[in-house]
Amino acid sequence: MRDRSPVQTAALLVGVVFLLVGILGFIPGITSHYSDLKFAGHNSDAKLLGIFDTSILHNIVHLLFGVAGIAMSRSWEGARSFLIGGGAIYLVLFVYGAIFHGESGSNWIPVNWADNILHLALGAGMIAMGYALSKEMVRRDTPAPAV
């Protein structure tokens, strides 16, 4: 991690956390009501850490998102794109969850209000990290003004 910029380190850590969450979603005990884990949809009654609604598809998406974060953290541009783009995706998920939470037939992603708040925090946090941690590099890449 010595040769990584701060934004690359942040993207790597976020990717590792998502990978870990995806794995934990498949472990009975860490995921309560594991026998109620469905592939997708609002009728999956499994809960990660007993709080967050989850499904097999939800866990697979976390795994893929984690792998993407780890892969994209290899470059400054990729890391910044992962944090800002991924954050935007999580803000869209927050809006989706706010509209379609619960037993709605349109709810193909199992989300509850704990998920919604987490999605809002993740989205805002990832975007903030993407901008704040890449600001210094952007300044260094900007040519000095002509005298």
N, C-alpha and C. Protein backbone atom coordinates (compact mmCIF):
# COMPACT_ATOMS: atom_id res chain seq x y z
N MET A 1 0.82 -1.20 0.00
CA MET A 1 0.00 0.00 0.00
C MET A 1 0.86 1.26 0.00
N ARG A 2 2.17 1.09 0.07
CA ARG A 2 3.08 2.22 0.14
C ARG A 2 3.01 3.09 -1.11
N ASP A 3 2.83 2.49 -2.29
CA ASP A 3 2.83 3.24 -3.54
C ASP A 3 1.44 3.70 -3.95
N ARG A 4 0.49 3.54 -3.09
CA ARG A 4 -0.89 3.91 -3.42
C ARG A 4 -1.17 5.33 -2.95
N SER A 5 -2.02 6.00 -3.73
CA SER A 5 -2.51 7.32 -3.30
C SER A 5 -3.60 7.10 -2.26
N PRO A 6 -3.96 8.12 -1.52
CA PRO A 6 -5.03 7.96 -0.53
C PRO A 6 -6.35 7.48 -1.14
N VAL A 7 -6.69 7.95 -2.34
CA VAL A 7 -7.95 7.52 -2.95
C VAL A 7 -7.88 6.04 -3.34
N GLN A 8 -6.71 5.56 -3.75
CA GLN A 8 -6.55 4.15 -4.08
C GLN A 8 -6.66 3.28 -2.83
N THR A 9 -6.08 3.74 -1.74
CA THR A 9 -6.16 3.00 -0.49
C THR A 9 -7.61 2.92 -0.02
N ALA A 10 -8.33 4.04 -0.10
CA ALA A 10 -9.74 4.06 0.31
C ALA A 10 -10.57 3.11 -0.55
N ALA A 11 -10.36 3.13 -1.86
CA ALA A 11 -11.11 2.24 -2.75
C ALA A 11 -10.80 0.78 -2.45
N LEU A 12 -9.54 0.48 -2.17
CA LEU A 12 -9.16 -0.88 -1.81
C LEU A 12 -9.86 -1.32 -0.53
N LEU A 13 -9.84 -0.48 0.48
CA LEU A 13 -10.48 -0.83 1.75
C LEU A 13 -11.99 -1.00 1.60
N VAL A 14 -12.62 -0.11 0.85
CA VAL A 14 -14.06 -0.22 0.61
C VAL A 14 -14.35 -1.51 -0.15
N GLY A 15 -13.53 -1.83 -1.15
CA GLY A 15 -13.71 -3.07 -1.89
C GLY A 15 -13.58 -4.30 -1.00
N VAL A 16 -12.59 -4.30 -0.13
CA VAL A 16 -12.40 -5.43 0.79
C VAL A 16 -13.59 -5.57 1.72
N VAL A 17 -14.12 -4.45 2.21
CA VAL A 17 -15.28 -4.50 3.10
C VAL A 17 -16.49 -5.08 2.36
N PHE A 18 -16.72 -4.65 1.13
CA PHE A 18 -17.84 -5.20 0.36
C PHE A 18 -17.65 -6.70 0.10
N LEU A 19 -16.44 -7.11 -0.19
CA LEU A 19 -16.16 -8.53 -0.39
C LEU A 19 -16.46 -9.31 0.89
N LEU A 20 -16.04 -8.79 2.01
CA LEU A 20 -16.29 -9.43 3.29
C LEU A 20 -17.79 -9.51 3.59
N VAL A 21 -18.51 -8.43 3.33
CA VAL A 21 -19.96 -8.42 3.55
C VAL A 21 -20.64 -9.46 2.67
N GLY A 22 -20.20 -9.57 1.41
CA GLY A 22 -20.77 -10.58 0.52
C GLY A 22 -20.54 -11.99 1.03
N ILE A 23 -19.37 -12.25 1.57
CA ILE A 23 -19.07 -13.57 2.14
C ILE A 23 -19.90 -13.81 3.39
N LEU A 24 -19.95 -12.82 4.28
CA LEU A 24 -20.70 -12.97 5.53
C LEU A 24 -22.18 -13.24 5.29
N GLY A 25 -22.71 -12.72 4.19
CA GLY A 25 -24.11 -12.94 3.86
C GLY A 25 -24.46 -14.39 3.60
N PHE A 26 -23.45 -15.23 3.36
CA PHE A 26 -23.68 -16.65 3.12
C PHE A 26 -23.34 -17.51 4.33
N ILE A 27 -23.08 -16.91 5.47
CA ILE A 27 -22.71 -17.67 6.66
C ILE A 27 -23.87 -17.70 7.65
N PRO A 28 -24.44 -18.89 7.89
CA PRO A 28 -25.52 -19.01 8.88
C PRO A 28 -25.01 -18.55 10.25
N GLY A 29 -25.86 -17.88 10.96
CA GLY A 29 -25.49 -17.34 12.27
C GLY A 29 -25.15 -15.86 12.16
N ILE A 30 -24.29 -15.53 11.21
CA ILE A 30 -24.04 -14.11 10.93
C ILE A 30 -25.23 -13.56 10.17
N THR A 31 -25.80 -14.41 9.31
CA THR A 31 -27.06 -14.09 8.64
C THR A 31 -28.15 -14.85 9.36
N SER A 32 -29.01 -14.10 10.04
CA SER A 32 -30.11 -14.74 10.76
C SER A 32 -31.21 -15.16 9.79
N HIS A 33 -32.02 -16.13 10.19
CA HIS A 33 -33.07 -16.69 9.35
C HIS A 33 -32.48 -17.18 8.02
N TYR A 34 -31.31 -17.79 8.11
CA TYR A 34 -30.58 -18.23 6.92
C TYR A 34 -31.42 -19.17 6.06
N SER A 35 -32.25 -19.98 6.67
CA SER A 35 -33.09 -20.91 5.90
C SER A 35 -34.13 -20.17 5.06
N ASP A 36 -34.37 -18.90 5.37
CA ASP A 36 -35.32 -18.09 4.60
C ASP A 36 -34.63 -17.27 3.51
N LEU A 37 -33.33 -17.51 3.28
CA LEU A 37 -32.59 -16.80 2.26
C LEU A 37 -33.09 -17.22 0.88
N LYS A 38 -33.61 -16.28 0.12
CA LYS A 38 -34.12 -16.53 -1.23
C LYS A 38 -33.15 -15.94 -2.24
N PHE A 39 -33.34 -16.29 -3.50
CA PHE A 39 -32.43 -15.77 -4.52
C PHE A 39 -32.56 -14.25 -4.64
N ALA A 40 -33.79 -13.75 -4.74
CA ALA A 40 -34.01 -12.31 -4.88
C ALA A 40 -35.43 -12.00 -4.42
N GLY A 41 -35.73 -10.75 -4.31
CA GLY A 41 -37.09 -10.32 -3.99
C GLY A 41 -37.28 -9.95 -2.54
N HIS A 42 -38.40 -9.29 -2.29
CA HIS A 42 -38.71 -8.78 -0.95
C HIS A 42 -39.11 -9.89 0.02
N ASN A 43 -39.34 -11.10 -0.46
CA ASN A 43 -39.78 -12.16 0.45
C ASN A 43 -38.61 -12.99 0.99
N SER A 44 -37.38 -12.53 0.79
CA SER A 44 -36.23 -13.16 1.44
C SER A 44 -36.17 -12.60 2.85
N ASP A 45 -36.42 -13.44 3.83
CA ASP A 45 -36.49 -12.97 5.21
C ASP A 45 -35.17 -13.08 5.97
N ALA A 46 -34.10 -13.41 5.28
CA ALA A 46 -32.78 -13.49 5.92
C ALA A 46 -32.28 -12.07 6.20
N LYS A 47 -31.53 -11.94 7.31
CA LYS A 47 -31.01 -10.63 7.71
C LYS A 47 -29.54 -10.74 8.09
N LEU A 48 -28.71 -9.98 7.40
CA LEU A 48 -27.30 -9.92 7.72
C LEU A 48 -27.14 -9.19 9.05
N LEU A 49 -26.43 -9.82 9.98
CA LEU A 49 -26.24 -9.30 11.34
C LEU A 49 -27.56 -9.10 12.08
N GLY A 50 -28.62 -9.75 11.58
CA GLY A 50 -29.93 -9.62 12.21
C GLY A 50 -30.59 -8.29 11.95
N ILE A 51 -30.01 -7.46 11.07
CA ILE A 51 -30.52 -6.09 10.85
C ILE A 51 -30.89 -5.83 9.39
N PHE A 52 -29.99 -6.17 8.48
CA PHE A 52 -30.12 -5.77 7.07
C PHE A 52 -30.70 -6.91 6.24
N ASP A 53 -31.80 -6.63 5.52
CA ASP A 53 -32.39 -7.63 4.62
C ASP A 53 -31.35 -8.03 3.58
N THR A 54 -31.35 -9.32 3.26
CA THR A 54 -30.39 -9.80 2.26
C THR A 54 -31.00 -10.95 1.46
N SER A 55 -30.38 -11.23 0.34
CA SER A 55 -30.76 -12.36 -0.51
C SER A 55 -29.49 -12.88 -1.16
N ILE A 56 -29.61 -13.97 -1.88
CA ILE A 56 -28.46 -14.52 -2.59
C ILE A 56 -27.95 -13.51 -3.60
N LEU A 57 -28.86 -12.92 -4.38
CA LEU A 57 -28.46 -11.92 -5.37
C LEU A 57 -27.79 -10.72 -4.70
N HIS A 58 -28.33 -10.27 -3.59
CA HIS A 58 -27.78 -9.14 -2.84
C HIS A 58 -26.34 -9.46 -2.43
N ASN A 59 -26.11 -10.68 -1.93
CA ASN A 59 -24.77 -11.08 -1.52
C ASN A 59 -23.82 -11.17 -2.71
N ILE A 60 -24.30 -11.69 -3.83
CA ILE A 60 -23.48 -11.78 -5.04
C ILE A 60 -23.09 -10.38 -5.51
N VAL A 61 -24.03 -9.45 -5.46
CA VAL A 61 -23.73 -8.07 -5.86
C VAL A 61 -22.66 -7.48 -4.95
N HIS A 62 -22.74 -7.73 -3.64
CA HIS A 62 -21.70 -7.25 -2.72
C HIS A 62 -20.34 -7.85 -3.09
N LEU A 63 -20.32 -9.15 -3.40
CA LEU A 63 -19.07 -9.79 -3.80
C LEU A 63 -18.49 -9.15 -5.06
N LEU A 64 -19.33 -8.95 -6.07
CA LEU A 64 -18.88 -8.34 -7.33
C LEU A 64 -18.43 -6.90 -7.14
N PHE A 65 -19.17 -6.16 -6.30
CA PHE A 65 -18.83 -4.77 -6.02
C PHE A 65 -17.47 -4.73 -5.31
N GLY A 66 -17.24 -5.68 -4.41
CA GLY A 66 -15.95 -5.75 -3.72
C GLY A 66 -14.81 -6.05 -4.66
N VAL A 67 -15.01 -7.01 -5.55
CA VAL A 67 -13.98 -7.35 -6.54
C VAL A 67 -13.71 -6.14 -7.44
N ALA A 68 -14.76 -5.44 -7.84
CA ALA A 68 -14.59 -4.25 -8.68
C ALA A 68 -13.77 -3.19 -7.94
N GLY A 69 -14.08 -2.97 -6.68
CA GLY A 69 -13.33 -1.97 -5.90
C GLY A 69 -11.86 -2.33 -5.78
N ILE A 70 -11.58 -3.59 -5.52
CA ILE A 70 -10.19 -4.04 -5.40
C ILE A 70 -9.47 -3.88 -6.74
N ALA A 71 -10.11 -4.29 -7.83
CA ALA A 71 -9.50 -4.17 -9.16
C ALA A 71 -9.30 -2.71 -9.56
N MET A 72 -10.30 -1.88 -9.30
CA MET A 72 -10.23 -0.49 -9.73
C MET A 72 -9.28 0.33 -8.85
N SER A 73 -8.94 -0.18 -7.67
CA SER A 73 -8.03 0.56 -6.79
C SER A 73 -6.59 0.53 -7.31
N ARG A 74 -6.34 -0.21 -8.35
CA ARG A 74 -4.99 -0.31 -8.90
C ARG A 74 -4.53 0.99 -9.56
N SER A 75 -5.48 1.81 -10.00
CA SER A 75 -5.11 3.09 -10.60
C SER A 75 -5.84 4.22 -9.89
N TRP A 76 -5.26 5.39 -9.96
CA TRP A 76 -5.86 6.57 -9.33
C TRP A 76 -7.23 6.86 -9.95
N GLU A 77 -7.30 6.83 -11.28
CA GLU A 77 -8.55 7.13 -11.98
C GLU A 77 -9.62 6.09 -11.66
N GLY A 78 -9.21 4.82 -11.65
CA GLY A 78 -10.16 3.75 -11.35
C GLY A 78 -10.69 3.85 -9.94
N ALA A 79 -9.80 4.14 -8.99
CA ALA A 79 -10.21 4.26 -7.58
C ALA A 79 -11.20 5.41 -7.41
N ARG A 80 -10.90 6.53 -8.01
CA ARG A 80 -11.79 7.70 -7.93
C ARG A 80 -13.14 7.37 -8.57
N SER A 81 -13.11 6.73 -9.72
CA SER A 81 -14.35 6.36 -10.40
C SER A 81 -15.17 5.37 -9.58
N PHE A 82 -14.50 4.40 -8.96
CA PHE A 82 -15.20 3.43 -8.12
C PHE A 82 -15.89 4.13 -6.96
N LEU A 83 -15.18 5.00 -6.27
CA LEU A 83 -15.78 5.65 -5.11
C LEU A 83 -16.91 6.59 -5.50
N ILE A 84 -16.70 7.42 -6.50
CA ILE A 84 -17.74 8.38 -6.88
C ILE A 84 -18.88 7.67 -7.61
N GLY A 85 -18.57 6.81 -8.56
CA GLY A 85 -19.62 6.09 -9.29
C GLY A 85 -20.37 5.12 -8.40
N GLY A 86 -19.63 4.38 -7.57
CA GLY A 86 -20.27 3.46 -6.63
C GLY A 86 -21.13 4.20 -5.62
N GLY A 87 -20.64 5.36 -5.18
CA GLY A 87 -21.44 6.17 -4.26
C GLY A 87 -22.74 6.63 -4.91
N ALA A 88 -22.66 7.00 -6.17
CA ALA A 88 -23.87 7.41 -6.89
C ALA A 88 -24.85 6.25 -7.00
N ILE A 89 -24.33 5.05 -7.25
CA ILE A 89 -25.19 3.87 -7.32
C ILE A 89 -25.90 3.66 -5.98
N TYR A 90 -25.17 3.83 -4.88
CA TYR A 90 -25.78 3.64 -3.57
C TYR A 90 -26.81 4.71 -3.25
N LEU A 91 -26.63 5.93 -3.75
CA LEU A 91 -27.66 6.95 -3.57
C LEU A 91 -28.92 6.59 -4.36
N VAL A 92 -28.74 6.04 -5.56
CA VAL A 92 -29.90 5.57 -6.34
C VAL A 92 -30.60 4.44 -5.60
N LEU A 93 -29.83 3.52 -5.00
CA LEU A 93 -30.43 2.44 -4.20
C LEU A 93 -31.21 2.99 -3.01
N PHE A 94 -30.70 4.05 -2.40
CA PHE A 94 -31.42 4.69 -1.30
C PHE A 94 -32.78 5.19 -1.78
N VAL A 95 -32.81 5.88 -2.91
CA VAL A 95 -34.07 6.40 -3.45
C VAL A 95 -35.00 5.24 -3.80
N TYR A 96 -34.46 4.21 -4.45
CA TYR A 96 -35.25 3.03 -4.79
C TYR A 96 -35.86 2.42 -3.53
N GLY A 97 -35.04 2.23 -2.50
CA GLY A 97 -35.51 1.63 -1.25
C GLY A 97 -36.55 2.48 -0.56
N ALA A 98 -36.39 3.80 -0.64
CA ALA A 98 -37.37 4.70 -0.02
C ALA A 98 -38.73 4.59 -0.71
N ILE A 99 -38.71 4.32 -2.00
CA ILE A 99 -39.96 4.21 -2.77
C ILE A 99 -40.55 2.81 -2.67
N PHE A 100 -39.71 1.78 -2.82
CA PHE A 100 -40.21 0.41 -2.95
C PHE A 100 -39.90 -0.49 -1.77
N HIS A 101 -39.66 0.05 -0.59
CA HIS A 101 -39.34 -0.80 0.56
C HIS A 101 -40.53 -1.67 0.96
N GLY A 102 -40.23 -2.70 1.69
CA GLY A 102 -41.31 -3.55 2.22
C GLY A 102 -41.78 -4.59 1.23
N GLU A 103 -43.05 -4.88 1.29
CA GLU A 103 -43.63 -5.99 0.54
C GLU A 103 -44.15 -5.59 -0.83
N SER A 104 -43.73 -4.47 -1.35
CA SER A 104 -44.18 -4.03 -2.66
C SER A 104 -43.80 -5.05 -3.72
N GLY A 105 -44.68 -5.29 -4.66
CA GLY A 105 -44.40 -6.24 -5.74
C GLY A 105 -43.25 -5.79 -6.62
N SER A 106 -42.97 -4.47 -6.64
CA SER A 106 -41.88 -3.94 -7.44
C SER A 106 -40.54 -4.10 -6.75
N ASN A 107 -40.55 -4.53 -5.50
CA ASN A 107 -39.32 -4.61 -4.73
C ASN A 107 -38.60 -5.92 -5.02
N TRP A 108 -37.69 -5.92 -5.99
CA TRP A 108 -36.92 -7.11 -6.31
C TRP A 108 -35.61 -7.17 -5.54
N ILE A 109 -35.31 -6.09 -4.80
CA ILE A 109 -34.14 -6.05 -3.92
C ILE A 109 -34.66 -6.03 -2.49
N PRO A 110 -34.26 -6.98 -1.66
CA PRO A 110 -34.73 -6.93 -0.28
C PRO A 110 -34.08 -5.77 0.48
N VAL A 111 -34.86 -4.76 0.80
CA VAL A 111 -34.36 -3.62 1.57
C VAL A 111 -35.35 -3.26 2.66
N ASN A 112 -34.82 -2.85 3.78
CA ASN A 112 -35.64 -2.30 4.85
C ASN A 112 -35.07 -0.93 5.17
N TRP A 113 -35.59 -0.28 6.19
CA TRP A 113 -35.12 1.08 6.48
C TRP A 113 -33.67 1.09 6.97
N ALA A 114 -33.22 0.03 7.62
CA ALA A 114 -31.80 -0.03 8.00
C ALA A 114 -30.93 -0.05 6.74
N ASP A 115 -31.35 -0.81 5.72
CA ASP A 115 -30.63 -0.83 4.45
C ASP A 115 -30.64 0.55 3.81
N ASN A 116 -31.80 1.19 3.83
CA ASN A 116 -31.92 2.51 3.20
C ASN A 116 -30.97 3.52 3.83
N ILE A 117 -30.92 3.55 5.14
CA ILE A 117 -30.04 4.50 5.82
C ILE A 117 -28.59 4.15 5.52
N LEU A 118 -28.26 2.86 5.51
CA LEU A 118 -26.90 2.44 5.19
C LEU A 118 -26.55 2.83 3.75
N HIS A 119 -27.46 2.65 2.82
CA HIS A 119 -27.20 3.04 1.43
C HIS A 119 -26.97 4.54 1.31
N LEU A 120 -27.74 5.33 2.04
CA LEU A 120 -27.56 6.78 2.03
C LEU A 120 -26.17 7.14 2.57
N ALA A 121 -25.80 6.55 3.70
CA ALA A 121 -24.49 6.85 4.31
C ALA A 121 -23.35 6.38 3.41
N LEU A 122 -23.48 5.18 2.84
CA LEU A 122 -22.45 4.67 1.94
C LEU A 122 -22.30 5.55 0.71
N GLY A 123 -23.42 5.91 0.12
CA GLY A 123 -23.38 6.75 -1.08
C GLY A 123 -22.71 8.09 -0.81
N ALA A 124 -23.15 8.76 0.22
CA ALA A 124 -22.58 10.07 0.56
C ALA A 124 -21.12 9.93 0.96
N GLY A 125 -20.81 8.91 1.75
CA GLY A 125 -19.44 8.71 2.21
C GLY A 125 -18.48 8.37 1.09
N MET A 126 -18.91 7.50 0.19
CA MET A 126 -18.03 7.11 -0.92
C MET A 126 -17.78 8.29 -1.86
N ILE A 127 -18.82 9.06 -2.15
CA ILE A 127 -18.64 10.24 -3.01
C ILE A 127 -17.73 11.25 -2.33
N ALA A 128 -17.94 11.50 -1.05
CA ALA A 128 -17.09 12.44 -0.31
C ALA A 128 -15.64 11.98 -0.32
N MET A 129 -15.40 10.69 -0.07
CA MET A 129 -14.03 10.17 -0.11
C MET A 129 -13.43 10.31 -1.50
N GLY A 130 -14.21 9.99 -2.52
CA GLY A 130 -13.71 10.08 -3.89
C GLY A 130 -13.25 11.47 -4.24
N TYR A 131 -14.02 12.48 -3.85
CA TYR A 131 -13.64 13.86 -4.13
C TYR A 131 -12.54 14.35 -3.19
N ALA A 132 -12.70 14.15 -1.90
CA ALA A 132 -11.75 14.69 -0.93
C ALA A 132 -10.37 14.06 -1.08
N LEU A 133 -10.31 12.76 -1.29
CA LEU A 133 -9.00 12.10 -1.34
C LEU A 133 -8.32 12.24 -2.70
N SER A 134 -9.03 12.69 -3.70
CA SER A 134 -8.41 12.87 -5.01
C SER A 134 -8.17 14.35 -5.31
N LYS A 135 -8.59 15.23 -4.42
CA LYS A 135 -8.44 16.67 -4.65
C LYS A 135 -6.97 17.06 -4.78
N GLU A 136 -6.12 16.54 -3.89
CA GLU A 136 -4.69 16.88 -3.92
C GLU A 136 -4.05 16.43 -5.22
N MET A 137 -4.39 15.25 -5.71
CA MET A 137 -3.80 14.75 -6.94
C MET A 137 -4.26 15.60 -8.12
N VAL A 138 -5.51 16.04 -8.11
CA VAL A 138 -6.00 16.88 -9.19
C VAL A 138 -5.21 18.18 -9.21
N ARG A 139 -4.97 18.76 -8.03
CA ARG A 139 -4.20 20.00 -7.95
C ARG A 139 -2.79 19.80 -8.47
N ARG A 140 -2.15 18.68 -8.14
CA ARG A 140 -0.78 18.43 -8.58
C ARG A 140 -0.73 18.21 -10.08
N ASP A 141 -1.79 17.67 -10.66
CA ASP A 141 -1.81 17.42 -12.11
C ASP A 141 -2.11 18.68 -12.91
N THR A 142 -2.62 19.71 -12.25
CA THR A 142 -2.97 20.95 -12.93
C THR A 142 -1.69 21.72 -13.22
N PRO A 143 -1.49 22.15 -14.46
CA PRO A 143 -0.25 22.88 -14.77
C PRO A 143 -0.19 24.21 -14.02
N ALA A 144 1.01 24.63 -13.70
CA ALA A 144 1.21 25.90 -13.01
C ALA A 144 0.86 27.04 -13.96
N PRO A 145 0.28 28.12 -13.44
CA PRO A 145 -0.09 29.23 -14.31
C PRO A 145 1.15 29.89 -14.91
N ALA A 146 1.00 30.37 -16.12
CA ALA A 146 2.10 31.04 -16.81
C ALA A 146 2.36 32.39 -16.15
N VAL A 147 3.62 32.76 -16.06
CA VAL A 147 3.99 34.02 -15.39
C VAL A 147 4.23 35.09 -16.40
